[in-house]
Amino acid sequence: MNTSTHPIITFIGGGNMASAIIGGLVRQGHPATALQVVEPWDEQRARLAQQFPGMTVLPAASADLQSSDLVVWAVKPQTFKEAALAAGPFLGQALHLSVAAGITSESMAGWLRTQRIVRAMPNTPALVGLGMTGLMARAAVSADDRTLVERVVRTTGELVWVNVEADLDAVTAISGSGPAYVFYFLEAMRDAGTRMGLPPEVAYQLAVGTFVGAATLAQRSEDPPQTLRERVTSKGGTTYAALTSMDAAGVKAKFEEALFAAQKRAEELGREFGK
């Protein structure tokens, strides 16, 4: 382990999620000189080097990675194995944190020849510091390791730990893919508002503001969502009409089916790319 105040953190992959974490670390005082990224795309390397002066940006894994205390895997599931086999020999005794969907810690342990692995399932609001990340650690991960992972992940928002790795597939279905569901409903609310005669930008502003406000109210309230919903729903009123229409169409049941479809796909990704 690096003996200085700041551990050396290496990112394999320099895309949006890696950039969000790097930005959060730098804002919280982690020096760019204690960060390094392996990114094969020339354009993205140049962008990272310009955005984070002092950070080491490499085109491929090399002996330069041997000082790593923590390695953050921010690559796509289909390229994880190739990247792990290429970088693994240079990573020594580092702790590993993966944000790749579906790839199991067992597969990673085999490719990287280590048991010090934490899997994470973040989501895109991490890009604005409002992410929600689910975490799972293998047994070899120490309390100090967990503390380091939490320090890194909290730069992007909130986190929760799960004890069973299979639960990360449910995390993926709910929060990992969740922002897309919100955007889906925002589209519908904007389009409906436009058909009702509102300017699209006004309808969209109303929709976004409503989601932000309702989510904040739910976050701050001790009441369950059912109670919050009932308080807005007067029998025979406008909200009642909308919810009755959705219930008649089976919207809630269909939405739950969609979440299970996402969970199933997360499981499939692990089998497809974890061999």
Protein backbone atom coordinates (compact mmCIF):
# COMPACT_ATOMS: atom_id res chain seq x y z
CA MET A 1 0.00 0.00 0.00
CA ASN A 2 1.21 3.46 -0.83
CA THR A 3 2.53 5.08 2.32
CA SER A 4 1.65 8.67 1.38
CA THR A 5 -1.57 10.38 2.43
CA HIS A 6 -3.18 9.73 -0.92
CA PRO A 7 -3.35 6.20 -2.41
CA ILE A 8 -2.46 5.70 -6.05
CA ILE A 9 -5.73 5.05 -7.90
CA THR A 10 -5.64 3.61 -11.41
CA PHE A 11 -8.59 3.60 -13.79
CA ILE A 12 -8.80 1.02 -16.54
CA GLY A 13 -11.01 2.84 -19.00
CA GLY A 14 -11.47 6.60 -19.09
CA GLY A 15 -15.10 7.05 -20.14
CA ASN A 16 -17.95 8.95 -18.48
CA MET A 17 -18.10 6.97 -15.24
CA ALA A 18 -14.34 7.07 -14.73
CA SER A 19 -14.36 10.82 -15.47
CA ALA A 20 -17.12 11.36 -12.93
CA ILE A 21 -15.18 9.55 -10.20
CA ILE A 22 -11.91 11.27 -11.09
CA GLY A 23 -13.61 14.65 -11.02
CA GLY A 24 -15.13 13.91 -7.63
CA LEU A 25 -11.79 12.79 -6.21
CA VAL A 26 -10.00 15.89 -7.46
CA ARG A 27 -12.71 18.18 -6.07
CA GLN A 28 -12.29 16.52 -2.69
CA GLY A 29 -8.55 17.10 -2.65
CA HIS A 30 -7.09 13.93 -4.12
CA PRO A 31 -4.11 15.12 -6.18
CA ALA A 32 -4.20 14.38 -9.89
CA THR A 33 -0.61 13.20 -9.58
CA ALA A 34 -1.90 10.26 -7.52
CA LEU A 35 -4.28 9.22 -10.31
CA GLN A 36 -3.64 7.36 -13.54
CA VAL A 37 -5.79 6.14 -16.39
CA VAL A 38 -5.38 3.52 -19.09
CA GLU A 39 -7.39 4.68 -22.09
CA PRO A 40 -6.72 3.34 -25.62
CA TRP A 41 -8.61 6.06 -27.53
CA ASP A 42 -6.35 8.98 -28.48
CA GLU A 43 -9.11 11.60 -28.39
CA GLN A 44 -10.32 10.58 -24.93
CA ARG A 45 -6.75 10.46 -23.59
CA ALA A 46 -6.17 14.01 -24.80
CA ARG A 47 -9.44 15.14 -23.22
CA LEU A 48 -8.55 13.57 -19.86
CA ALA A 49 -5.05 15.02 -19.87
CA GLN A 50 -6.47 18.48 -20.52
CA GLN A 51 -9.24 18.15 -17.95
CA PHE A 52 -7.03 16.78 -15.17
CA PRO A 53 -3.52 18.25 -15.45
CA GLY A 54 -0.90 16.16 -13.67
CA MET A 55 -2.76 12.86 -14.03
CA THR A 56 -0.87 10.06 -15.81
CA VAL A 57 -2.77 8.99 -18.93
CA LEU A 58 -1.54 5.79 -20.64
CA PRO A 59 -2.54 4.18 -23.95
CA ALA A 60 -2.07 0.63 -22.60
CA ALA A 61 -1.27 -1.28 -19.44
CA SER A 62 2.42 -1.33 -18.52
CA ALA A 63 4.83 -1.53 -15.60
CA ASP A 64 3.79 2.04 -14.75
CA LEU A 65 0.76 0.51 -13.00
CA GLN A 66 2.78 -1.39 -10.38
CA SER A 67 2.37 1.36 -7.78
CA SER A 68 -1.44 1.10 -7.84
CA ASP A 69 -3.21 0.81 -4.48
CA LEU A 70 -6.69 0.69 -6.00
CA VAL A 71 -7.69 -0.22 -9.54
CA VAL A 72 -11.09 0.94 -10.79
CA TRP A 73 -12.37 -1.14 -13.70
CA ALA A 74 -14.50 1.16 -15.87
CA VAL A 75 -14.64 -0.91 -19.05
CA LYS A 76 -17.54 -2.48 -20.93
CA PRO A 77 -18.45 -6.05 -19.94
CA GLN A 78 -17.52 -7.43 -23.36
CA THR A 79 -13.97 -6.05 -23.12
CA PHE A 80 -13.34 -6.75 -19.42
CA LYS A 81 -11.59 -10.11 -19.81
CA GLU A 82 -9.19 -8.85 -22.46
CA ALA A 83 -8.37 -5.76 -20.39
CA ALA A 84 -7.91 -7.79 -17.20
CA LEU A 85 -5.55 -10.29 -18.80
CA ALA A 86 -3.52 -7.44 -20.29
CA ALA A 87 -3.27 -5.34 -17.11
CA GLY A 88 -3.32 -8.02 -14.43
CA PRO A 89 0.41 -8.86 -14.51
CA PHE A 90 1.26 -5.21 -13.71
CA LEU A 91 -1.13 -4.68 -10.80
CA GLY A 92 0.63 -6.44 -7.93
CA GLN A 93 -1.38 -6.58 -4.72
CA ALA A 94 -3.84 -3.81 -5.57
CA LEU A 95 -7.45 -3.69 -4.41
CA HIS A 96 -9.91 -3.89 -7.31
CA LEU A 97 -13.21 -2.04 -7.75
CA SER A 98 -15.32 -2.91 -10.79
CA VAL A 99 -18.16 -0.81 -12.18
CA ALA A 100 -18.75 -3.19 -15.11
CA ALA A 101 -22.31 -4.55 -15.27
CA GLY A 102 -22.80 -8.29 -15.00
CA ILE A 103 -19.19 -9.47 -14.69
CA THR A 104 -19.00 -11.59 -11.53
CA SER A 105 -16.30 -11.25 -8.91
CA GLU A 106 -15.50 -14.94 -9.42
CA SER A 107 -14.62 -14.28 -13.06
CA MET A 108 -12.53 -11.27 -12.05
CA ALA A 109 -10.72 -13.27 -9.38
CA GLY A 110 -9.73 -15.84 -11.98
CA TRP A 111 -8.51 -13.29 -14.51
CA LEU A 112 -6.72 -11.04 -11.99
CA ARG A 113 -5.50 -13.77 -9.62
CA THR A 114 -6.66 -11.94 -6.51
CA GLN A 115 -9.57 -12.12 -4.06
CA ARG A 116 -9.48 -8.43 -3.09
CA ILE A 117 -12.38 -7.45 -5.31
CA VAL A 118 -15.36 -5.15 -4.82
CA ARG A 119 -18.15 -4.99 -7.38
CA ALA A 120 -20.08 -1.77 -7.82
CA MET A 121 -23.23 -0.90 -9.73
CA PRO A 122 -23.38 2.89 -10.15
CA ASN A 123 -25.77 4.94 -12.25
CA THR A 124 -25.47 7.97 -14.50
CA PRO A 125 -26.55 10.65 -11.98
CA ALA A 126 -23.02 10.06 -10.65
CA LEU A 127 -22.05 12.48 -13.43
CA VAL A 128 -23.62 15.30 -11.39
CA GLY A 129 -22.69 13.96 -7.95
CA LEU A 130 -26.14 12.47 -7.29
CA GLY A 131 -25.46 8.83 -8.10
CA MET A 132 -26.69 5.75 -6.28
CA THR A 133 -24.22 2.86 -6.17
CA GLY A 134 -24.69 -0.69 -4.93
CA LEU A 135 -21.55 -2.44 -3.61
CA MET A 136 -20.57 -6.04 -2.84
CA ALA A 137 -17.20 -7.19 -1.44
CA ARG A 138 -15.57 -10.59 -1.54
CA ALA A 139 -14.52 -12.09 1.79
CA ALA A 140 -10.85 -11.12 1.37
CA VAL A 141 -11.71 -7.41 1.29
CA SER A 142 -10.73 -5.82 4.61
CA ALA A 143 -12.45 -3.09 6.59
CA ASP A 144 -9.76 -0.65 5.45
CA ASP A 145 -10.38 -1.72 1.85
CA ARG A 146 -14.08 -1.01 2.25
CA THR A 147 -13.31 2.41 3.71
CA LEU A 148 -11.15 3.28 0.69
CA VAL A 149 -13.85 2.11 -1.72
CA GLU A 150 -16.49 4.15 0.11
CA ARG A 151 -14.26 7.22 -0.01
CA VAL A 152 -13.97 6.87 -3.78
CA VAL A 153 -17.62 6.05 -4.46
CA ARG A 154 -19.01 8.80 -2.21
CA THR A 155 -17.47 11.38 -4.56
CA THR A 156 -20.32 10.50 -6.95
CA GLY A 157 -23.26 10.31 -4.52
CA GLU A 158 -24.78 7.75 -2.17
CA LEU A 159 -24.03 4.04 -1.73
CA VAL A 160 -25.45 0.85 -0.23
CA TRP A 161 -23.73 -2.48 0.48
CA VAL A 162 -25.31 -5.85 -0.30
CA ASN A 163 -24.03 -9.13 1.11
CA VAL A 164 -25.04 -11.49 -1.69
CA GLU A 165 -23.51 -10.93 -5.11
CA ALA A 166 -26.67 -12.00 -6.95
CA ASP A 167 -28.40 -9.00 -5.33
CA LEU A 168 -26.32 -6.73 -7.57
CA ASP A 169 -28.45 -7.90 -10.50
CA ALA A 170 -31.46 -6.47 -8.66
CA VAL A 171 -29.50 -3.29 -7.92
CA THR A 172 -28.76 -3.06 -11.64
CA ALA A 173 -32.45 -3.42 -12.47
CA ILE A 174 -33.60 -0.81 -9.96
CA SER A 175 -30.96 1.91 -9.73
CA GLY A 176 -28.38 1.04 -12.39
CA SER A 177 -30.92 1.14 -15.21
CA GLY A 178 -33.31 3.30 -13.19
CA PRO A 179 -32.43 6.72 -14.60
CA ALA A 180 -33.62 5.54 -18.03
CA TYR A 181 -37.05 4.76 -16.54
CA VAL A 182 -37.26 8.30 -15.16
CA PHE A 183 -36.26 9.75 -18.53
CA TYR A 184 -38.87 7.52 -20.18
CA PHE A 185 -41.64 8.97 -18.00
CA LEU A 186 -40.28 12.48 -18.48
CA GLU A 187 -40.62 11.99 -22.24
CA ALA A 188 -44.21 10.82 -21.81
CA MET A 189 -45.11 13.75 -19.54
CA ARG A 190 -43.51 16.24 -21.92
CA ASP A 191 -45.28 14.75 -24.93
CA ALA A 192 -48.66 14.61 -23.17
CA GLY A 193 -48.27 18.19 -21.99
CA THR A 194 -47.47 19.28 -25.54
CA ARG A 195 -50.58 17.52 -26.86
CA MET A 196 -52.57 19.36 -24.18
CA GLY A 197 -51.38 22.65 -25.65
CA LEU A 198 -48.34 23.55 -23.55
CA PRO A 199 -45.06 24.55 -25.20
CA PRO A 200 -42.74 21.51 -25.08
CA GLU A 201 -40.14 23.33 -22.97
CA VAL A 202 -42.79 24.32 -20.41
CA ALA A 203 -44.18 20.78 -20.23
CA TYR A 204 -40.65 19.41 -19.79
CA GLN A 205 -39.81 21.94 -17.06
CA LEU A 206 -42.98 20.97 -15.20
CA ALA A 207 -42.15 17.26 -15.53
CA VAL A 208 -38.53 17.56 -14.39
CA GLY A 209 -39.44 19.82 -11.48
CA THR A 210 -42.13 17.40 -10.38
CA PHE A 211 -39.74 14.41 -10.40
CA VAL A 212 -37.08 16.35 -8.48
CA GLY A 213 -39.58 17.62 -5.94
CA ALA A 214 -41.35 14.30 -5.42
CA ALA A 215 -38.07 12.41 -5.06
CA THR A 216 -36.77 14.97 -2.55
CA LEU A 217 -40.02 14.77 -0.58
CA ALA A 218 -39.80 10.96 -0.51
CA GLN A 219 -36.14 11.13 0.57
CA ARG A 220 -36.90 13.48 3.45
CA SER A 221 -40.13 11.86 4.60
CA GLU A 222 -40.40 8.97 7.05
CA ASP A 223 -43.64 7.86 5.39
CA PRO A 224 -43.73 5.02 2.83
CA PRO A 225 -44.50 5.88 -0.81
CA GLN A 226 -48.02 4.47 -0.52
CA THR A 227 -48.85 7.07 2.16
CA LEU A 228 -47.31 9.89 0.15
CA ARG A 229 -49.30 8.80 -2.90
CA GLU A 230 -52.56 8.57 -0.94
CA ARG A 231 -52.12 12.11 0.37
CA VAL A 232 -52.12 13.42 -3.19
CA THR A 233 -55.05 11.26 -4.30
CA SER A 234 -58.54 12.51 -3.46
CA LYS A 235 -61.24 10.07 -4.53
CA GLY A 236 -62.92 11.37 -7.65
CA GLY A 237 -60.21 13.97 -8.25
CA THR A 238 -57.69 14.46 -11.04
CA THR A 239 -54.93 12.32 -9.53
CA TYR A 240 -57.45 9.57 -8.83
CA ALA A 241 -58.50 9.65 -12.49
CA ALA A 242 -54.90 9.29 -13.65
CA LEU A 243 -53.98 6.49 -11.26
CA THR A 244 -57.22 4.61 -11.93
CA SER A 245 -56.44 4.74 -15.64
CA MET A 246 -52.93 3.39 -15.03
CA ASP A 247 -54.22 0.61 -12.76
CA ALA A 248 -56.79 -0.40 -15.38
CA ALA A 249 -53.99 -0.64 -17.94
CA GLY A 250 -51.83 -2.72 -15.60
CA VAL A 251 -49.02 -0.16 -15.66
CA LYS A 252 -47.58 -1.13 -12.26
CA ALA A 253 -47.50 -4.84 -13.07
CA LYS A 254 -45.95 -4.18 -16.47
CA PHE A 255 -43.34 -1.90 -14.90
CA GLU A 256 -42.41 -4.61 -12.41
CA GLU A 257 -42.09 -7.06 -15.32
CA ALA A 258 -39.69 -4.63 -16.96
CA LEU A 259 -37.52 -4.54 -13.83
CA PHE A 260 -37.35 -8.33 -13.78
CA ALA A 261 -36.33 -8.26 -17.46
CA ALA A 262 -33.44 -5.95 -16.56
CA GLN A 263 -32.42 -8.22 -13.68
CA LYS A 264 -32.45 -11.25 -15.97
CA ARG A 265 -30.31 -9.45 -18.54
CA ALA A 266 -27.78 -8.55 -15.84
CA GLU A 267 -27.51 -12.25 -14.98
CA GLU A 268 -27.07 -13.12 -18.65
CA LEU A 269 -24.26 -10.59 -19.07
CA GLY A 270 -22.31 -12.36 -16.33
CA ARG A 271 -22.66 -15.68 -18.11
CA GLU A 272 -21.91 -14.25 -21.56
CA PHE A 273 -18.77 -12.31 -20.73
CA GLY A 274 -17.54 -14.05 -17.57
CA LYS A 275 -16.09 -17.11 -19.26
